[in-house]
């Protein structure tokens, strides 16, 4: 569990796009305009979103979705022509997302862990605003990894979860090996 790489991720450069830390606003924008299994267009949109501050990404996305099909298609084809192979870019994207969203293994209390109907990002928003004093007007600019860890730490302090430390993880692995013999 290396929390520092999630709360303070390294800068990334993928296919010519300079990506900063993943922001909460990036996540909500990507949720709106991309599918769960990215295609080339989704990957291009994700790179464009995460290479801008949230306001800039929203403005870019509004123009990208609002302009005529032929202009959008021309810009897209021109950009894809400069991109390395899709699989390579997708692999780098997945590594970027892993670094920016990595959380440790957790144990939940017997009362917790129920599946809820609230969408994941909305649940994070609610906890961040109501329990951690994030400003609802500026939460879109919050670093996503930091927010995740703040929520985990809060939930652990309230007894809802237990973050599995590296030492405890090692003990669990030893017990798994012992039980499998």
Protein backbone atom coordinates (compact mmCIF):
# COMPACT_ATOMS: atom_id res chain seq x y z
CA UNK A 1 0.00 0.00 0.00
CA UNK A 2 1.81 3.10 -1.20
CA UNK A 3 -0.70 5.83 -0.44
CA UNK A 4 1.65 8.65 -1.45
CA UNK A 5 1.49 7.78 -5.16
CA UNK A 6 -2.29 8.12 -5.03
CA UNK A 7 -2.50 11.31 -2.98
CA UNK A 8 0.43 12.91 -4.84
CA UNK A 9 0.64 11.17 -8.24
CA UNK A 10 3.42 11.81 -10.72
CA UNK A 11 2.76 13.87 -13.85
CA UNK A 12 1.98 11.74 -16.88
CA UNK A 13 2.51 12.23 -20.58
CA UNK A 14 0.42 9.91 -22.74
CA UNK A 15 0.31 10.19 -26.54
CA UNK A 16 1.37 13.82 -26.39
CA UNK A 17 -1.15 14.78 -23.71
CA UNK A 18 0.26 16.17 -20.46
CA UNK A 19 -1.94 14.81 -17.68
CA UNK A 20 -1.98 16.23 -14.19
CA UNK A 21 -3.54 14.56 -11.18
CA UNK A 22 -6.98 13.07 -11.75
CA UNK A 23 -9.62 15.46 -10.41
CA UNK A 24 -13.11 14.70 -9.13
CA UNK A 25 -14.52 16.84 -11.95
CA UNK A 26 -12.60 14.77 -14.52
CA UNK A 27 -14.32 11.65 -13.19
CA UNK A 28 -17.81 13.12 -13.48
CA UNK A 29 -17.14 14.42 -17.00
CA UNK A 30 -15.75 11.05 -18.12
CA UNK A 31 -18.73 9.28 -16.55
CA UNK A 32 -21.00 11.37 -18.75
CA UNK A 33 -19.27 10.97 -22.11
CA UNK A 34 -17.40 7.67 -22.18
CA UNK A 35 -18.34 4.01 -22.06
CA UNK A 36 -17.04 1.50 -19.52
CA UNK A 37 -15.01 -0.24 -22.23
CA UNK A 38 -13.07 2.50 -23.96
CA UNK A 39 -12.87 2.75 -27.69
CA UNK A 40 -10.55 5.12 -29.54
CA UNK A 41 -12.98 8.04 -29.29
CA UNK A 42 -13.51 7.47 -25.55
CA UNK A 43 -9.76 7.29 -24.95
CA UNK A 44 -9.22 10.52 -26.92
CA UNK A 45 -11.92 12.23 -24.86
CA UNK A 46 -10.43 10.94 -21.59
CA UNK A 47 -6.98 12.22 -22.51
CA UNK A 48 -8.40 15.61 -23.47
CA UNK A 49 -10.42 15.85 -20.26
CA UNK A 50 -7.54 14.89 -17.95
CA UNK A 51 -5.05 17.17 -19.68
CA UNK A 52 -7.07 20.23 -18.66
CA UNK A 53 -8.35 21.79 -15.44
CA UNK A 54 -11.99 20.86 -14.83
CA UNK A 55 -13.39 24.16 -16.16
CA UNK A 56 -11.23 23.90 -19.28
CA UNK A 57 -12.23 20.27 -19.78
CA UNK A 58 -15.91 21.14 -19.46
CA UNK A 59 -15.49 23.97 -21.97
CA UNK A 60 -13.57 21.72 -24.38
CA UNK A 61 -16.15 18.98 -24.04
CA UNK A 62 -19.03 21.38 -24.66
CA UNK A 63 -17.38 22.54 -27.88
CA UNK A 64 -16.41 18.98 -28.89
CA UNK A 65 -19.93 17.65 -28.42
CA UNK A 66 -21.64 20.75 -29.80
CA UNK A 67 -19.72 21.27 -33.03
CA UNK A 68 -20.71 19.82 -36.37
CA UNK A 69 -20.00 16.16 -37.09
CA UNK A 70 -17.59 16.86 -39.95
CA UNK A 71 -15.39 19.20 -37.86
CA UNK A 72 -15.37 16.79 -34.92
CA UNK A 73 -14.51 13.91 -37.22
CA UNK A 74 -11.65 15.85 -38.88
CA UNK A 75 -10.12 16.84 -35.52
CA UNK A 76 -10.51 13.30 -34.22
CA UNK A 77 -8.90 11.68 -37.29
CA UNK A 78 -6.05 14.21 -37.21
CA UNK A 79 -5.40 13.48 -33.51
CA UNK A 80 -5.63 9.70 -33.87
CA UNK A 81 -3.13 9.85 -36.72
CA UNK A 82 -0.58 11.27 -34.27
CA UNK A 83 -1.37 8.81 -31.47
CA UNK A 84 0.67 5.65 -30.94
CA UNK A 85 -1.10 2.31 -31.19
CA UNK A 86 -4.39 2.15 -29.31
CA UNK A 87 -3.30 -0.77 -27.10
CA UNK A 88 -0.17 1.10 -25.97
CA UNK A 89 -2.11 4.26 -25.18
CA UNK A 90 -4.81 2.29 -23.39
CA UNK A 91 -2.18 0.47 -21.30
CA UNK A 92 -0.61 3.81 -20.30
CA UNK A 93 -4.07 5.21 -19.53
CA UNK A 94 -4.86 2.23 -17.30
CA UNK A 95 -1.57 2.76 -15.43
CA UNK A 96 -2.42 6.47 -14.98
CA UNK A 97 -5.84 5.59 -13.59
CA UNK A 98 -4.38 2.93 -11.30
CA UNK A 99 -1.91 5.40 -9.83
CA UNK A 100 -4.57 8.07 -9.34
CA UNK A 101 -7.24 5.80 -7.83
CA UNK A 102 -5.35 3.05 -5.97
CA UNK A 103 -6.76 2.21 -2.57
CA UNK A 104 -5.70 -0.46 -0.12
CA UNK A 105 -7.56 -3.61 0.72
CA UNK A 106 -10.14 -2.88 3.38
CA UNK A 107 -12.19 -4.90 5.82
CA UNK A 108 -15.74 -3.72 6.51
CA UNK A 109 -17.62 -3.98 9.75
CA UNK A 110 -20.46 -6.49 9.97
CA UNK A 111 -22.99 -3.64 9.74
CA UNK A 112 -21.29 -1.99 6.75
CA UNK A 113 -20.57 -3.08 3.24
CA UNK A 114 -24.15 -3.20 1.99
CA UNK A 115 -24.70 -2.44 -1.66
CA UNK A 116 -26.34 0.94 -2.08
CA UNK A 117 -28.27 2.37 -5.02
CA UNK A 118 -26.44 5.70 -4.95
CA UNK A 119 -23.94 6.03 -7.82
CA UNK A 120 -20.34 5.74 -6.58
CA UNK A 121 -19.29 9.29 -7.47
CA UNK A 122 -22.39 10.75 -5.82
CA UNK A 123 -21.68 8.79 -2.64
CA UNK A 124 -18.11 10.11 -2.60
CA UNK A 125 -19.41 13.64 -3.18
CA UNK A 126 -21.91 13.34 -0.31
CA UNK A 127 -19.30 12.08 2.16
CA UNK A 128 -16.69 14.62 1.09
CA UNK A 129 -19.11 17.55 1.43
CA UNK A 130 -21.06 16.51 4.53
CA UNK A 131 -18.34 14.86 6.60
CA UNK A 132 -15.03 16.26 5.34
CA UNK A 133 -16.04 19.86 4.64
CA UNK A 134 -15.19 19.87 0.95
CA UNK A 135 -16.75 22.89 -0.71
CA UNK A 136 -19.50 21.72 -3.10
CA UNK A 137 -18.68 24.65 -5.39
CA UNK A 138 -15.00 23.70 -5.79
CA UNK A 139 -15.01 19.93 -5.26
CA UNK A 140 -14.59 19.39 -9.01
CA UNK A 141 -11.00 20.61 -8.62
CA UNK A 142 -10.23 18.23 -5.73
CA UNK A 143 -7.56 15.63 -6.44
CA UNK A 144 -9.46 12.36 -6.68
CA UNK A 145 -6.85 10.18 -4.96
CA UNK A 146 -6.59 12.53 -1.99
CA UNK A 147 -10.34 12.60 -1.66
CA UNK A 148 -10.54 8.80 -1.75
CA UNK A 149 -7.94 8.49 0.98
CA UNK A 150 -9.62 11.19 3.08
CA UNK A 151 -12.89 9.27 2.86
CA UNK A 152 -11.15 5.98 3.73
CA UNK A 153 -9.41 7.57 6.72
CA UNK A 154 -12.69 9.11 7.88
CA UNK A 155 -14.55 5.79 7.53
CA UNK A 156 -11.80 4.01 9.45
CA UNK A 157 -11.92 6.62 12.24
CA UNK A 158 -15.68 6.02 12.50
CA UNK A 159 -15.25 2.24 12.76
CA UNK A 160 -16.92 1.47 9.43
CA UNK A 161 -13.82 -0.06 7.84
CA UNK A 162 -10.32 -1.20 8.67
CA UNK A 163 -7.56 -0.38 6.20
CA UNK A 164 -5.36 -3.43 5.77
CA UNK A 165 -1.78 -2.31 6.40
CA UNK A 166 1.19 -3.83 4.57
CA UNK A 167 2.06 -5.82 7.70
CA UNK A 168 -1.46 -7.21 8.04
CA UNK A 169 -1.54 -8.03 4.32
CA UNK A 170 1.67 -10.06 4.75
CA UNK A 171 0.08 -11.98 7.64
CA UNK A 172 -3.03 -12.67 5.52
CA UNK A 173 -0.86 -13.99 2.68
CA UNK A 174 0.99 -16.32 5.06
CA UNK A 175 -2.30 -17.61 6.44
CA UNK A 176 -3.64 -18.22 2.92
CA UNK A 177 -0.53 -20.23 2.08
CA UNK A 178 -0.79 -22.21 5.30
CA UNK A 179 -4.49 -22.98 4.76
CA UNK A 180 -3.99 -24.08 1.16
CA UNK A 181 -1.51 -26.82 2.20
